[in-house]
Amino acid sequence: MLNLPVLVLNRVYVPIRVTTVRRALCLLFSGSAWALDDLGESYDFTHWRRVAIRPSDDHVALVDGRLRAPRVLNLVGYDRVPRIVIRLSRQNLMLRDQYQCQYCGRHPGPSDLNVDHVVPRSRGGRDTWENLVISCRSCNLRKGKRTPREAGMRLLQVPSAPRLSYTAMLLQGLTPPFVEWGPFLETG
């Protein structure tokens, strides 16, 4: 039970991480965070001890009773949001471009797709999100060492670095286990 997930929000209610009940109780007891109930009411440790435990709630046994396990914590003095850097890789380019040739729009298999430099390396093109796109073999050969304009080709979309909210990063591969998380994850 002490290893159940707890959503941690910064001071302005932006999700910043998922922690355990064990760590959440330490933060709550030290005064570094307040627990939020399903209505969004904030409680310090003293008041959280008095919150009624419903049948659907998890709880921690104490010497003098039971303590409801928090599901959402709000940090009192932390207002930053961790910066997310998505690594530039072939796989991440494929995901950004949705396994689609950015010149003709076809969806061949991943093995028939190439990474193409919009401005060719021979002309000073660099390995950046803004200069790399996914292309099929035939479009890549047709373009060669020219720019799309010189080759008479158009990009389906202007390449850019992907954006990922910290909330999406938190939940990658994770289904929110508690309804109390919903309002905070929808806004992140």
N, C-alpha and C. Protein backbone atom coordinates (compact mmCIF):
# COMPACT_ATOMS: atom_id res chain seq x y z
N MET A 1 0.83 -1.20 0.00
CA MET A 1 0.00 0.00 0.00
C MET A 1 0.87 1.26 0.00
N LEU A 2 2.00 1.23 0.68
CA LEU A 2 2.87 2.40 0.73
C LEU A 2 3.53 2.70 -0.62
N ASN A 3 3.45 1.77 -1.56
CA ASN A 3 4.04 1.98 -2.87
C ASN A 3 3.02 2.39 -3.93
N LEU A 4 1.78 2.63 -3.54
CA LEU A 4 0.77 3.10 -4.48
C LEU A 4 1.17 4.47 -5.03
N PRO A 5 0.76 4.80 -6.26
CA PRO A 5 1.15 6.09 -6.85
C PRO A 5 0.34 7.26 -6.30
N VAL A 6 1.03 8.39 -6.20
CA VAL A 6 0.42 9.65 -5.77
C VAL A 6 0.87 10.72 -6.77
N LEU A 7 -0.07 11.48 -7.30
CA LEU A 7 0.25 12.55 -8.23
C LEU A 7 0.73 13.76 -7.44
N VAL A 8 1.88 14.32 -7.84
CA VAL A 8 2.44 15.48 -7.16
C VAL A 8 2.30 16.69 -8.08
N LEU A 9 1.73 17.76 -7.54
CA LEU A 9 1.54 19.01 -8.27
C LEU A 9 2.48 20.07 -7.71
N ASN A 10 2.90 21.00 -8.56
CA ASN A 10 3.70 22.09 -8.03
C ASN A 10 2.76 23.10 -7.37
N ARG A 11 3.31 24.22 -6.95
CA ARG A 11 2.54 25.22 -6.20
C ARG A 11 1.35 25.76 -6.99
N VAL A 12 1.45 25.78 -8.32
CA VAL A 12 0.38 26.31 -9.15
C VAL A 12 -0.45 25.20 -9.81
N TYR A 13 -0.44 24.03 -9.21
CA TYR A 13 -1.28 22.90 -9.59
C TYR A 13 -0.95 22.27 -10.94
N VAL A 14 0.30 22.32 -11.35
CA VAL A 14 0.74 21.66 -12.58
C VAL A 14 1.38 20.33 -12.18
N PRO A 15 0.97 19.21 -12.78
CA PRO A 15 1.57 17.91 -12.44
C PRO A 15 3.07 17.90 -12.76
N ILE A 16 3.87 17.45 -11.79
CA ILE A 16 5.31 17.41 -12.03
C ILE A 16 5.92 16.03 -11.84
N ARG A 17 5.25 15.13 -11.14
CA ARG A 17 5.79 13.78 -10.98
C ARG A 17 4.75 12.88 -10.34
N VAL A 18 5.07 11.60 -10.36
CA VAL A 18 4.29 10.62 -9.63
C VAL A 18 5.22 10.04 -8.58
N THR A 19 4.78 9.98 -7.35
CA THR A 19 5.59 9.43 -6.27
C THR A 19 4.81 8.33 -5.57
N THR A 20 5.31 7.85 -4.46
CA THR A 20 4.64 6.79 -3.70
C THR A 20 3.91 7.38 -2.50
N VAL A 21 3.01 6.60 -1.93
CA VAL A 21 2.32 7.02 -0.71
C VAL A 21 3.34 7.26 0.40
N ARG A 22 4.35 6.42 0.48
CA ARG A 22 5.38 6.56 1.51
C ARG A 22 6.02 7.95 1.43
N ARG A 23 6.46 8.35 0.24
CA ARG A 23 7.10 9.66 0.07
C ARG A 23 6.09 10.78 0.27
N ALA A 24 4.87 10.58 -0.19
CA ALA A 24 3.83 11.59 -0.04
C ALA A 24 3.56 11.89 1.43
N LEU A 25 3.51 10.85 2.25
CA LEU A 25 3.27 11.06 3.68
C LEU A 25 4.43 11.80 4.33
N CYS A 26 5.64 11.55 3.89
CA CYS A 26 6.80 12.29 4.41
C CYS A 26 6.69 13.77 4.06
N LEU A 27 6.32 14.06 2.81
CA LEU A 27 6.16 15.46 2.38
C LEU A 27 5.01 16.14 3.13
N LEU A 28 3.95 15.41 3.32
CA LEU A 28 2.78 15.94 4.03
C LEU A 28 3.12 16.22 5.50
N PHE A 29 3.77 15.27 6.14
CA PHE A 29 4.12 15.41 7.56
C PHE A 29 5.11 16.56 7.78
N SER A 30 6.06 16.73 6.86
CA SER A 30 7.08 17.78 7.02
C SER A 30 6.55 19.17 6.71
N GLY A 31 5.35 19.25 6.14
CA GLY A 31 4.77 20.54 5.79
C GLY A 31 5.18 21.03 4.42
N SER A 32 5.89 20.20 3.66
CA SER A 32 6.32 20.59 2.31
C SER A 32 5.19 20.49 1.30
N ALA A 33 4.13 19.77 1.65
CA ALA A 33 3.02 19.58 0.72
C ALA A 33 1.71 19.48 1.49
N TRP A 34 0.64 19.72 0.77
CA TRP A 34 -0.70 19.56 1.32
C TRP A 34 -1.40 18.49 0.50
N ALA A 35 -2.25 17.71 1.14
CA ALA A 35 -3.04 16.69 0.44
C ALA A 35 -4.29 17.35 -0.12
N LEU A 36 -4.71 16.88 -1.28
CA LEU A 36 -5.95 17.37 -1.88
C LEU A 36 -6.96 16.23 -1.92
N ASP A 37 -8.19 16.52 -1.54
CA ASP A 37 -9.23 15.50 -1.64
C ASP A 37 -9.85 15.55 -3.03
N ASP A 38 -10.86 14.73 -3.25
CA ASP A 38 -11.46 14.64 -4.59
C ASP A 38 -12.24 15.90 -4.97
N LEU A 39 -12.50 16.80 -4.04
CA LEU A 39 -13.17 18.07 -4.34
C LEU A 39 -12.17 19.21 -4.51
N GLY A 40 -10.88 18.91 -4.33
CA GLY A 40 -9.84 19.91 -4.49
C GLY A 40 -9.52 20.69 -3.24
N GLU A 41 -10.09 20.30 -2.11
CA GLU A 41 -9.79 20.97 -0.84
C GLU A 41 -8.39 20.58 -0.37
N SER A 42 -7.65 21.56 0.17
CA SER A 42 -6.29 21.33 0.65
C SER A 42 -6.28 21.05 2.15
N TYR A 43 -5.40 20.13 2.55
CA TYR A 43 -5.28 19.76 3.96
C TYR A 43 -3.81 19.62 4.34
N ASP A 44 -3.43 20.23 5.46
CA ASP A 44 -2.11 19.95 6.00
C ASP A 44 -2.20 18.62 6.75
N PHE A 45 -1.10 18.15 7.28
CA PHE A 45 -1.08 16.83 7.91
C PHE A 45 -2.08 16.71 9.06
N THR A 46 -2.12 17.73 9.91
CA THR A 46 -3.01 17.70 11.08
C THR A 46 -4.47 17.55 10.66
N HIS A 47 -4.88 18.30 9.66
CA HIS A 47 -6.27 18.24 9.20
C HIS A 47 -6.52 16.99 8.35
N TRP A 48 -5.51 16.52 7.63
CA TRP A 48 -5.67 15.31 6.81
C TRP A 48 -5.95 14.10 7.70
N ARG A 49 -5.39 14.10 8.90
CA ARG A 49 -5.62 12.98 9.84
C ARG A 49 -7.09 12.87 10.21
N ARG A 50 -7.82 13.97 10.14
CA ARG A 50 -9.22 13.98 10.54
C ARG A 50 -10.18 13.67 9.38
N VAL A 51 -9.65 13.60 8.16
CA VAL A 51 -10.51 13.34 7.00
C VAL A 51 -11.02 11.90 7.07
N ALA A 52 -12.31 11.75 6.87
CA ALA A 52 -12.94 10.42 6.95
C ALA A 52 -12.42 9.49 5.86
N ILE A 53 -12.27 8.24 6.20
CA ILE A 53 -11.83 7.23 5.23
C ILE A 53 -13.07 6.55 4.67
N ARG A 54 -13.22 6.64 3.35
CA ARG A 54 -14.34 6.01 2.67
C ARG A 54 -14.00 4.56 2.36
N PRO A 55 -14.97 3.72 2.08
CA PRO A 55 -14.68 2.31 1.75
C PRO A 55 -13.75 2.15 0.54
N SER A 56 -13.80 3.09 -0.40
CA SER A 56 -12.96 2.98 -1.60
C SER A 56 -11.54 3.51 -1.38
N ASP A 57 -11.26 4.12 -0.24
CA ASP A 57 -9.95 4.71 0.03
C ASP A 57 -8.96 3.69 0.56
N ASP A 58 -7.70 3.90 0.20
CA ASP A 58 -6.61 3.13 0.81
C ASP A 58 -6.22 3.86 2.08
N HIS A 59 -5.68 3.13 3.04
CA HIS A 59 -5.32 3.77 4.30
C HIS A 59 -4.05 3.14 4.88
N VAL A 60 -3.45 3.90 5.78
CA VAL A 60 -2.25 3.46 6.49
C VAL A 60 -2.64 3.29 7.95
N ALA A 61 -2.24 2.18 8.53
CA ALA A 61 -2.53 1.94 9.94
C ALA A 61 -1.56 2.76 10.80
N LEU A 62 -2.11 3.44 11.80
CA LEU A 62 -1.31 4.21 12.75
C LEU A 62 -1.52 3.62 14.14
N VAL A 63 -0.72 4.03 15.09
CA VAL A 63 -0.85 3.54 16.46
C VAL A 63 -2.22 3.91 17.02
N ASP A 64 -2.70 5.11 16.70
CA ASP A 64 -3.97 5.57 17.25
C ASP A 64 -5.10 5.62 16.22
N GLY A 65 -5.01 4.79 15.20
CA GLY A 65 -6.09 4.76 14.20
C GLY A 65 -5.58 4.50 12.80
N ARG A 66 -6.27 5.11 11.83
CA ARG A 66 -5.90 4.94 10.43
C ARG A 66 -5.80 6.30 9.77
N LEU A 67 -4.97 6.38 8.72
CA LEU A 67 -4.78 7.61 7.97
C LEU A 67 -5.08 7.33 6.51
N ARG A 68 -5.94 8.14 5.93
CA ARG A 68 -6.29 8.00 4.52
C ARG A 68 -5.05 8.26 3.66
N ALA A 69 -4.78 7.40 2.70
CA ALA A 69 -3.64 7.58 1.80
C ALA A 69 -3.99 8.68 0.80
N PRO A 70 -3.14 9.70 0.69
CA PRO A 70 -3.44 10.76 -0.29
C PRO A 70 -3.25 10.25 -1.71
N ARG A 71 -4.00 10.80 -2.63
CA ARG A 71 -3.86 10.44 -4.04
C ARG A 71 -3.31 11.59 -4.87
N VAL A 72 -3.46 12.82 -4.34
CA VAL A 72 -2.91 14.01 -5.00
C VAL A 72 -2.29 14.89 -3.92
N LEU A 73 -1.05 15.34 -4.18
CA LEU A 73 -0.34 16.26 -3.28
C LEU A 73 -0.05 17.56 -4.01
N ASN A 74 -0.09 18.65 -3.27
CA ASN A 74 0.25 19.97 -3.80
C ASN A 74 1.44 20.49 -3.01
N LEU A 75 2.58 20.66 -3.70
CA LEU A 75 3.77 21.17 -3.03
C LEU A 75 3.57 22.64 -2.66
N VAL A 76 4.00 23.00 -1.47
CA VAL A 76 3.76 24.34 -0.95
C VAL A 76 4.67 25.39 -1.58
N GLY A 77 5.94 25.08 -1.77
CA GLY A 77 6.88 26.12 -2.21
C GLY A 77 7.61 25.84 -3.49
N TYR A 78 7.13 24.97 -4.35
CA TYR A 78 7.84 24.63 -5.58
C TYR A 78 6.96 25.00 -6.76
N ASP A 79 7.44 25.92 -7.60
CA ASP A 79 6.59 26.35 -8.71
C ASP A 79 7.19 26.07 -10.08
N ARG A 80 8.33 25.43 -10.15
CA ARG A 80 8.93 25.11 -11.45
C ARG A 80 8.26 23.90 -12.09
N VAL A 81 8.46 23.79 -13.41
CA VAL A 81 8.01 22.61 -14.15
C VAL A 81 9.27 22.02 -14.78
N PRO A 82 9.54 20.75 -14.55
CA PRO A 82 10.75 20.16 -15.14
C PRO A 82 10.75 20.31 -16.66
N ARG A 83 11.91 20.60 -17.19
CA ARG A 83 12.06 20.75 -18.64
C ARG A 83 12.22 19.39 -19.29
N ILE A 84 11.50 19.18 -20.36
CA ILE A 84 11.56 17.91 -21.07
C ILE A 84 12.38 18.09 -22.34
N VAL A 85 13.37 17.28 -22.51
CA VAL A 85 14.15 17.29 -23.74
C VAL A 85 13.93 15.94 -24.42
N ILE A 86 13.40 15.99 -25.63
CA ILE A 86 13.17 14.77 -26.39
C ILE A 86 14.39 14.55 -27.27
N ARG A 87 15.00 13.40 -27.12
CA ARG A 87 16.23 13.08 -27.84
C ARG A 87 15.95 12.96 -29.33
N LEU A 88 16.84 13.55 -30.12
CA LEU A 88 16.74 13.45 -31.58
C LEU A 88 17.26 12.08 -31.99
N SER A 89 16.36 11.24 -32.49
CA SER A 89 16.73 9.89 -32.94
C SER A 89 15.83 9.51 -34.11
N ARG A 90 16.23 8.48 -34.82
CA ARG A 90 15.43 7.99 -35.95
C ARG A 90 14.02 7.61 -35.47
N GLN A 91 13.95 6.89 -34.36
CA GLN A 91 12.66 6.46 -33.84
C GLN A 91 11.78 7.66 -33.48
N ASN A 92 12.35 8.67 -32.83
CA ASN A 92 11.55 9.84 -32.47
C ASN A 92 11.14 10.66 -33.69
N LEU A 93 11.99 10.69 -34.72
CA LEU A 93 11.59 11.33 -35.98
C LEU A 93 10.42 10.58 -36.62
N MET A 94 10.49 9.25 -36.59
CA MET A 94 9.39 8.43 -37.14
C MET A 94 8.08 8.74 -36.40
N LEU A 95 8.17 8.82 -35.08
CA LEU A 95 6.98 9.12 -34.29
C LEU A 95 6.45 10.52 -34.61
N ARG A 96 7.35 11.50 -34.68
CA ARG A 96 6.92 12.87 -34.99
C ARG A 96 6.21 12.93 -36.33
N ASP A 97 6.79 12.27 -37.35
CA ASP A 97 6.24 12.32 -38.70
C ASP A 97 5.22 11.21 -38.97
N GLN A 98 4.88 10.46 -37.95
CA GLN A 98 3.84 9.42 -38.00
C GLN A 98 4.10 8.37 -39.08
N TYR A 99 5.37 8.01 -39.24
CA TYR A 99 5.78 6.97 -40.20
C TYR A 99 5.29 7.29 -41.61
N GLN A 100 5.27 8.58 -41.95
CA GLN A 100 4.75 9.03 -43.24
C GLN A 100 5.84 9.80 -43.98
N CYS A 101 5.99 9.54 -45.27
CA CYS A 101 6.92 10.31 -46.10
C CYS A 101 6.43 11.75 -46.11
N GLN A 102 7.31 12.67 -45.79
CA GLN A 102 6.93 14.08 -45.70
C GLN A 102 6.91 14.78 -47.06
N TYR A 103 7.19 14.03 -48.13
CA TYR A 103 7.13 14.59 -49.48
C TYR A 103 5.90 14.09 -50.23
N CYS A 104 5.68 12.76 -50.25
CA CYS A 104 4.57 12.22 -51.03
C CYS A 104 3.37 11.79 -50.17
N GLY A 105 3.58 11.66 -48.87
CA GLY A 105 2.48 11.30 -47.97
C GLY A 105 2.23 9.82 -47.81
N ARG A 106 3.02 8.97 -48.48
CA ARG A 106 2.81 7.52 -48.36
C ARG A 106 3.26 7.01 -47.00
N HIS A 107 2.74 5.83 -46.64
CA HIS A 107 3.07 5.16 -45.38
C HIS A 107 3.69 3.79 -45.66
N PRO A 108 4.89 3.73 -46.23
CA PRO A 108 5.50 2.40 -46.41
C PRO A 108 5.95 1.88 -45.04
N GLY A 109 6.42 0.68 -44.98
CA GLY A 109 6.90 0.14 -43.71
C GLY A 109 8.12 0.90 -43.21
N PRO A 110 8.41 0.82 -41.91
CA PRO A 110 9.55 1.55 -41.34
C PRO A 110 10.88 1.23 -42.03
N SER A 111 11.04 0.02 -42.52
CA SER A 111 12.31 -0.33 -43.18
C SER A 111 12.45 0.35 -44.54
N ASP A 112 11.36 0.86 -45.12
CA ASP A 112 11.41 1.56 -46.40
C ASP A 112 11.42 3.08 -46.24
N LEU A 113 11.62 3.55 -45.02
CA LEU A 113 11.68 4.98 -44.76
C LEU A 113 13.11 5.39 -44.43
N ASN A 114 13.47 6.60 -44.85
CA ASN A 114 14.80 7.16 -44.59
C ASN A 114 14.67 8.46 -43.82
N VAL A 115 15.77 8.86 -43.20
CA VAL A 115 15.85 10.18 -42.60
C VAL A 115 16.50 11.08 -43.64
N ASP A 116 15.82 12.16 -44.01
CA ASP A 116 16.31 13.06 -45.05
C ASP A 116 16.65 14.42 -44.45
N HIS A 117 17.76 14.99 -44.89
CA HIS A 117 18.13 16.36 -44.52
C HIS A 117 17.45 17.30 -45.50
N VAL A 118 16.62 18.20 -45.01
CA VAL A 118 15.94 19.17 -45.88
C VAL A 118 17.01 20.01 -46.60
N VAL A 119 17.91 20.60 -45.83
CA VAL A 119 19.09 21.24 -46.41
C VAL A 119 20.18 20.18 -46.32
N PRO A 120 20.68 19.68 -47.46
CA PRO A 120 21.63 18.58 -47.45
C PRO A 120 22.88 18.87 -46.63
N ARG A 121 23.46 17.83 -46.07
CA ARG A 121 24.69 17.97 -45.29
C ARG A 121 25.80 18.61 -46.12
N SER A 122 25.85 18.28 -47.40
CA SER A 122 26.89 18.83 -48.27
C SER A 122 26.79 20.34 -48.41
N ARG A 123 25.64 20.90 -48.02
CA ARG A 123 25.44 22.35 -48.08
C ARG A 123 25.36 22.96 -46.69
N GLY A 124 25.84 22.22 -45.72
CA GLY A 124 25.87 22.76 -44.35
C GLY A 124 24.66 22.42 -43.52
N GLY A 125 23.78 21.56 -44.02
CA GLY A 125 22.60 21.16 -43.26
C GLY A 125 23.01 20.38 -42.02
N ARG A 126 22.37 20.66 -40.94
CA ARG A 126 22.74 20.04 -39.66
C ARG A 126 21.70 19.01 -39.23
N ASP A 127 22.09 18.21 -38.25
CA ASP A 127 21.18 17.22 -37.67
C ASP A 127 20.35 17.88 -36.57
N THR A 128 19.27 18.52 -36.97
CA THR A 128 18.37 19.17 -36.03
C THR A 128 16.93 18.77 -36.35
N TRP A 129 16.04 18.95 -35.38
CA TRP A 129 14.62 18.65 -35.58
C TRP A 129 14.06 19.43 -36.77
N GLU A 130 14.57 20.66 -36.98
CA GLU A 130 14.04 21.53 -38.02
C GLU A 130 14.59 21.20 -39.41
N ASN A 131 15.64 20.36 -39.49
CA ASN A 131 16.25 20.05 -40.77
C ASN A 131 16.11 18.58 -41.16
N LEU A 132 15.52 17.77 -40.32
CA LEU A 132 15.36 16.34 -40.61
C LEU A 132 13.90 15.98 -40.78
N VAL A 133 13.61 15.18 -41.80
CA VAL A 133 12.26 14.67 -42.02
C VAL A 133 12.35 13.20 -42.43
N ILE A 134 11.24 12.52 -42.35
CA ILE A 134 11.15 11.13 -42.80
C ILE A 134 10.69 11.15 -44.26
N SER A 135 11.36 10.35 -45.09
CA SER A 135 10.97 10.26 -46.49
C SER A 135 11.07 8.81 -46.95
N CYS A 136 10.27 8.48 -47.98
CA CYS A 136 10.37 7.14 -48.56
C CYS A 136 11.62 7.09 -49.43
N ARG A 137 12.04 5.91 -49.78
CA ARG A 137 13.28 5.76 -50.57
C ARG A 137 13.20 6.50 -51.91
N SER A 138 12.08 6.36 -52.60
CA SER A 138 11.99 6.99 -53.94
C SER A 138 12.04 8.51 -53.84
N CYS A 139 11.38 9.11 -52.87
CA CYS A 139 11.43 10.57 -52.71
C CYS A 139 12.84 11.01 -52.30
N ASN A 140 13.48 10.24 -51.44
CA ASN A 140 14.83 10.58 -51.00
C ASN A 140 15.80 10.55 -52.18
N LEU A 141 15.68 9.52 -53.06
CA LEU A 141 16.54 9.43 -54.24
C LEU A 141 16.23 10.56 -55.23
N ARG A 142 14.95 10.87 -55.40
CA ARG A 142 14.54 11.93 -56.31
C ARG A 142 15.07 13.29 -55.86
N LYS A 143 15.04 13.54 -54.57
CA LYS A 143 15.52 14.82 -54.03
C LYS A 143 17.03 14.90 -54.11
N GLY A 144 17.72 13.81 -53.80
CA GLY A 144 19.18 13.79 -53.88
C GLY A 144 19.82 14.82 -52.98
N LYS A 145 20.82 15.51 -53.51
CA LYS A 145 21.57 16.51 -52.74
C LYS A 145 21.07 17.92 -53.04
N ARG A 146 19.77 18.04 -53.27
CA ARG A 146 19.16 19.34 -53.54
C ARG A 146 18.22 19.70 -52.40
N THR A 147 17.80 20.94 -52.37
CA THR A 147 16.77 21.35 -51.42
C THR A 147 15.43 20.95 -52.02
N PRO A 148 14.38 20.87 -51.23
CA PRO A 148 13.07 20.52 -51.78
C PRO A 148 12.64 21.47 -52.91
N ARG A 149 12.92 22.75 -52.76
CA ARG A 149 12.54 23.73 -53.80
C ARG A 149 13.26 23.42 -55.11
N GLU A 150 14.56 23.16 -55.01
CA GLU A 150 15.34 22.86 -56.22
C GLU A 150 14.86 21.57 -56.89
N ALA A 151 14.39 20.62 -56.09
CA ALA A 151 13.92 19.34 -56.63
C ALA A 151 12.46 19.39 -57.07
N GLY A 152 11.81 20.53 -56.86
CA GLY A 152 10.41 20.66 -57.22
C GLY A 152 9.50 19.85 -56.32
N MET A 153 9.89 19.71 -55.05
CA MET A 153 9.11 18.94 -54.08
C MET A 153 8.67 19.85 -52.95
N ARG A 154 7.55 19.49 -52.34
CA ARG A 154 7.04 20.27 -51.21
C ARG A 154 6.94 19.37 -49.99
N LEU A 155 7.25 19.93 -48.83
CA LEU A 155 7.08 19.22 -47.56
C LEU A 155 5.61 19.30 -47.16
N LEU A 156 5.10 18.22 -46.59
CA LEU A 156 3.71 18.21 -46.11
C LEU A 156 3.54 19.15 -44.93
N GLN A 157 4.57 19.25 -44.10
CA GLN A 157 4.54 20.16 -42.96
C GLN A 157 5.95 20.64 -42.66
N VAL A 158 6.05 21.81 -42.08
CA VAL A 158 7.36 22.35 -41.71
C VAL A 158 7.87 21.57 -40.52
N PRO A 159 9.08 21.00 -40.63
CA PRO A 159 9.60 20.20 -39.51
C PRO A 159 9.94 21.08 -38.30
N SER A 160 9.62 20.58 -37.12
CA SER A 160 9.92 21.31 -35.89
C SER A 160 10.14 20.31 -34.77
N ALA A 161 10.71 20.79 -33.69
CA ALA A 161 10.93 19.93 -32.53
C ALA A 161 9.57 19.56 -31.95
N PRO A 162 9.37 18.30 -31.57
CA PRO A 162 8.08 17.91 -30.99
C PRO A 162 7.89 18.53 -29.62
N ARG A 163 6.65 18.79 -29.31
CA ARG A 163 6.30 19.34 -27.99
C ARG A 163 5.61 18.25 -27.21
N LEU A 164 5.99 18.15 -25.98
CA LEU A 164 5.39 17.14 -25.11
C LEU A 164 5.20 17.78 -23.75
N SER A 165 3.98 17.79 -23.28
CA SER A 165 3.75 18.36 -21.95
C SER A 165 4.31 17.41 -20.90
N TYR A 166 4.63 17.96 -19.77
CA TYR A 166 5.17 17.11 -18.71
C TYR A 166 4.11 16.11 -18.26
N THR A 167 2.85 16.50 -18.35
CA THR A 167 1.76 15.60 -18.00
C THR A 167 1.77 14.38 -18.91
N ALA A 168 1.91 14.61 -20.20
CA ALA A 168 1.95 13.49 -21.15
C ALA A 168 3.14 12.59 -20.85
N MET A 169 4.26 13.19 -20.50
CA MET A 169 5.45 12.41 -20.18
C MET A 169 5.20 11.55 -18.94
N LEU A 170 4.53 12.13 -17.95
CA LEU A 170 4.23 11.38 -16.72
C LEU A 170 3.39 10.15 -17.03
N LEU A 171 2.44 10.33 -17.93
CA LEU A 171 1.46 9.28 -18.18
C LEU A 171 1.82 8.35 -19.32
N GLN A 172 3.00 8.54 -19.91
CA GLN A 172 3.39 7.69 -21.02
C GLN A 172 3.36 6.23 -20.57
N GLY A 173 2.44 5.49 -21.12
CA GLY A 173 2.31 4.08 -20.77
C GLY A 173 1.61 3.84 -19.45
N LEU A 174 1.01 4.88 -18.85
CA LEU A 174 0.37 4.73 -17.55
C LEU A 174 -1.08 5.20 -17.64
N THR A 175 -2.00 4.37 -17.26
CA THR A 175 -3.40 4.77 -17.17
C THR A 175 -3.59 5.39 -15.80
N PRO A 176 -4.17 6.59 -15.72
CA PRO A 176 -4.36 7.21 -14.41
C PRO A 176 -5.14 6.27 -13.49
N PRO A 177 -4.55 5.89 -12.36
CA PRO A 177 -5.20 4.91 -11.50
C PRO A 177 -6.33 5.46 -10.65
N PHE A 178 -6.43 6.78 -10.50
CA PHE A 178 -7.44 7.35 -9.62
C PHE A 178 -8.18 8.50 -10.32
N VAL A 179 -9.48 8.57 -10.08
CA VAL A 179 -10.28 9.64 -10.68
C VAL A 179 -9.85 11.01 -10.15
N GLU A 180 -9.28 11.06 -8.96
CA GLU A 180 -8.84 12.33 -8.38
C GLU A 180 -7.76 13.00 -9.24
N TRP A 181 -7.05 12.22 -10.05
CA TRP A 181 -6.01 12.79 -10.91
C TRP A 181 -6.60 13.52 -12.10
N GLY A 182 -7.78 13.16 -12.54
CA GLY A 182 -8.37 13.64 -13.77
C GLY A 182 -8.33 15.14 -14.01
N PRO A 183 -8.85 15.97 -13.10
CA PRO A 183 -8.87 17.40 -13.36
C PRO A 183 -7.48 18.00 -13.58
N PHE A 184 -6.47 17.46 -12.94
CA PHE A 184 -5.12 18.01 -13.05
C PHE A 184 -4.43 17.55 -14.32
N LEU A 185 -4.74 16.35 -14.76
CA LEU A 185 -4.12 15.81 -15.97
C LEU A 185 -4.74 16.39 -17.22
N GLU A 186 -6.00 16.73 -17.17
CA GLU A 186 -6.69 17.29 -18.33
C GLU A 186 -6.17 18.68 -18.66
N THR A 187 -5.77 19.45 -17.65
CA THR A 187 -5.28 20.80 -17.89
C THR A 187 -3.80 20.83 -18.23
N GLY A 188 -3.05 19.77 -17.89
CA GLY A 188 -1.60 19.76 -18.14
C GLY A 188 -1.33 19.47 -19.55
